[in-house]
Amino acid sequence: MAVELLVFALFALLSVGGTLLLYAFIQRETDAEETMDRRDAEREAQEESRRR
């Protein structure tokens, strides 16, 4: 009985910990996202269309 409880507790901790770790990685990746205003975005789009 104790072994089954230990296996269940280990599985539960790993699944919750893995989920939180994945969430933290995604948050860190999206925090550094660059933003620009409409004027800069339009200028960038026009420059890209000229290059093609």
N, C-alpha and C. Protein backbone atom coordinates (compact mmCIF):
# COMPACT_ATOMS: atom_id res chain seq x y z
N MET A 1 0.82 -1.20 0.00
CA MET A 1 0.00 0.00 0.00
C MET A 1 0.87 1.27 0.00
N ALA A 2 1.95 1.24 0.74
CA ALA A 2 2.81 2.41 0.85
C ALA A 2 3.54 2.68 -0.47
N VAL A 3 3.88 1.62 -1.18
CA VAL A 3 4.60 1.79 -2.45
C VAL A 3 3.67 2.44 -3.48
N GLU A 4 2.41 2.01 -3.51
CA GLU A 4 1.45 2.60 -4.45
C GLU A 4 1.22 4.07 -4.15
N LEU A 5 1.16 4.42 -2.89
CA LEU A 5 0.97 5.82 -2.50
C LEU A 5 2.19 6.66 -2.88
N LEU A 6 3.36 6.10 -2.71
CA LEU A 6 4.59 6.80 -3.08
C LEU A 6 4.67 7.02 -4.60
N VAL A 7 4.31 6.01 -5.36
CA VAL A 7 4.32 6.14 -6.82
C VAL A 7 3.30 7.19 -7.26
N PHE A 8 2.12 7.17 -6.67
CA PHE A 8 1.09 8.15 -7.01
C PHE A 8 1.55 9.56 -6.66
N ALA A 9 2.14 9.75 -5.48
CA ALA A 9 2.60 11.07 -5.06
C ALA A 9 3.72 11.57 -5.98
N LEU A 10 4.62 10.69 -6.36
CA LEU A 10 5.70 11.07 -7.26
C LEU A 10 5.15 11.46 -8.63
N PHE A 11 4.22 10.69 -9.15
CA PHE A 11 3.59 11.00 -10.43
C PHE A 11 2.85 12.33 -10.37
N ALA A 12 2.12 12.58 -9.29
CA ALA A 12 1.37 13.83 -9.15
C ALA A 12 2.32 15.02 -9.07
N LEU A 13 3.39 14.90 -8.33
CA LEU A 13 4.36 15.99 -8.21
C LEU A 13 5.05 16.27 -9.55
N LEU A 14 5.41 15.23 -10.27
CA LEU A 14 6.06 15.42 -11.57
C LEU A 14 5.12 16.04 -12.59
N SER A 15 3.87 15.64 -12.57
CA SER A 15 2.93 16.19 -13.56
C SER A 15 2.63 17.66 -13.26
N VAL A 16 2.43 18.01 -12.01
CA VAL A 16 2.17 19.41 -11.65
C VAL A 16 3.43 20.24 -11.87
N GLY A 17 4.58 19.72 -11.47
CA GLY A 17 5.84 20.44 -11.65
C GLY A 17 6.16 20.65 -13.11
N GLY A 18 5.94 19.65 -13.95
CA GLY A 18 6.18 19.79 -15.37
C GLY A 18 5.28 20.83 -16.01
N THR A 19 4.04 20.85 -15.59
CA THR A 19 3.09 21.85 -16.11
C THR A 19 3.52 23.26 -15.73
N LEU A 20 3.92 23.45 -14.49
CA LEU A 20 4.36 24.77 -14.04
C LEU A 20 5.66 25.19 -14.73
N LEU A 21 6.55 24.24 -14.96
CA LEU A 21 7.81 24.54 -15.64
C LEU A 21 7.55 24.95 -17.09
N LEU A 22 6.66 24.25 -17.77
CA LEU A 22 6.31 24.61 -19.14
C LEU A 22 5.67 25.99 -19.19
N TYR A 23 4.80 26.28 -18.24
CA TYR A 23 4.17 27.60 -18.17
C TYR A 23 5.23 28.70 -17.97
N ALA A 24 6.18 28.45 -17.11
CA ALA A 24 7.23 29.44 -16.85
C ALA A 24 8.08 29.68 -18.10
N PHE A 25 8.40 28.63 -18.84
CA PHE A 25 9.18 28.80 -20.06
C PHE A 25 8.41 29.61 -21.10
N ILE A 26 7.13 29.35 -21.23
CA ILE A 26 6.32 30.09 -22.21
C ILE A 26 6.20 31.55 -21.79
N GLN A 27 6.00 31.82 -20.53
CA GLN A 27 5.91 33.20 -20.05
C GLN A 27 7.20 33.97 -20.31
N ARG A 28 8.33 33.31 -20.04
CA ARG A 28 9.62 33.99 -20.23
C ARG A 28 9.86 34.28 -21.71
N GLU A 29 9.43 33.39 -22.57
CA GLU A 29 9.64 33.60 -24.00
C GLU A 29 8.77 34.74 -24.52
N THR A 30 7.55 34.88 -24.03
CA THR A 30 6.65 35.91 -24.54
C THR A 30 6.83 37.25 -23.84
N ASP A 31 7.58 37.31 -22.74
CA ASP A 31 7.81 38.59 -22.07
C ASP A 31 8.70 39.51 -22.88
N ALA A 32 9.60 38.97 -23.66
CA ALA A 32 10.57 39.77 -24.41
C ALA A 32 10.04 40.15 -25.79
N GLU A 33 8.76 40.05 -25.99
CA GLU A 33 8.18 40.34 -27.30
C GLU A 33 8.26 41.83 -27.60
N GLU A 34 8.75 42.15 -28.79
CA GLU A 34 8.86 43.55 -29.19
C GLU A 34 7.50 44.06 -29.67
N THR A 35 7.18 45.29 -29.31
CA THR A 35 5.95 45.90 -29.79
C THR A 35 6.31 47.16 -30.55
N MET A 36 5.44 47.53 -31.49
CA MET A 36 5.66 48.75 -32.25
C MET A 36 4.32 49.42 -32.48
N ASP A 37 4.36 50.72 -32.70
CA ASP A 37 3.11 51.43 -32.96
C ASP A 37 2.70 51.25 -34.42
N ARG A 38 1.54 51.75 -34.75
CA ARG A 38 0.98 51.54 -36.08
C ARG A 38 1.88 52.11 -37.19
N ARG A 39 2.42 53.29 -36.95
CA ARG A 39 3.25 53.94 -37.97
C ARG A 39 4.49 53.09 -38.27
N ASP A 40 5.15 52.61 -37.22
CA ASP A 40 6.33 51.77 -37.43
C ASP A 40 5.97 50.45 -38.11
N ALA A 41 4.82 49.89 -37.76
CA ALA A 41 4.40 48.63 -38.37
C ALA A 41 4.11 48.81 -39.86
N GLU A 42 3.46 49.92 -40.21
CA GLU A 42 3.18 50.17 -41.63
C GLU A 42 4.48 50.39 -42.41
N ARG A 43 5.41 51.11 -41.83
CA ARG A 43 6.70 51.34 -42.49
C ARG A 43 7.45 50.02 -42.68
N GLU A 44 7.44 49.19 -41.68
CA GLU A 44 8.11 47.89 -41.78
C GLU A 44 7.46 47.02 -42.85
N ALA A 45 6.13 47.03 -42.91
CA ALA A 45 5.43 46.24 -43.92
C ALA A 45 5.74 46.74 -45.32
N GLN A 46 5.82 48.05 -45.50
CA GLN A 46 6.14 48.60 -46.81
C GLN A 46 7.57 48.24 -47.22
N GLU A 47 8.50 48.29 -46.28
CA GLU A 47 9.88 47.92 -46.59
C GLU A 47 9.98 46.45 -46.97
N GLU A 48 9.25 45.59 -46.27
CA GLU A 48 9.28 44.17 -46.60
C GLU A 48 8.67 43.91 -47.97
N SER A 49 7.61 44.64 -48.33
CA SER A 49 6.99 44.41 -49.63
C SER A 49 7.89 44.90 -50.76
N ARG A 50 8.71 45.91 -50.50
CA ARG A 50 9.65 46.38 -51.53
C ARG A 50 10.77 45.38 -51.78
N ARG A 51 11.15 44.67 -50.74
CA ARG A 51 12.24 43.69 -50.86
C ARG A 51 11.83 42.48 -51.69
N ARG A 52 10.57 42.21 -51.80
CA ARG A 52 10.12 40.99 -52.51
C ARG A 52 9.98 41.21 -53.95
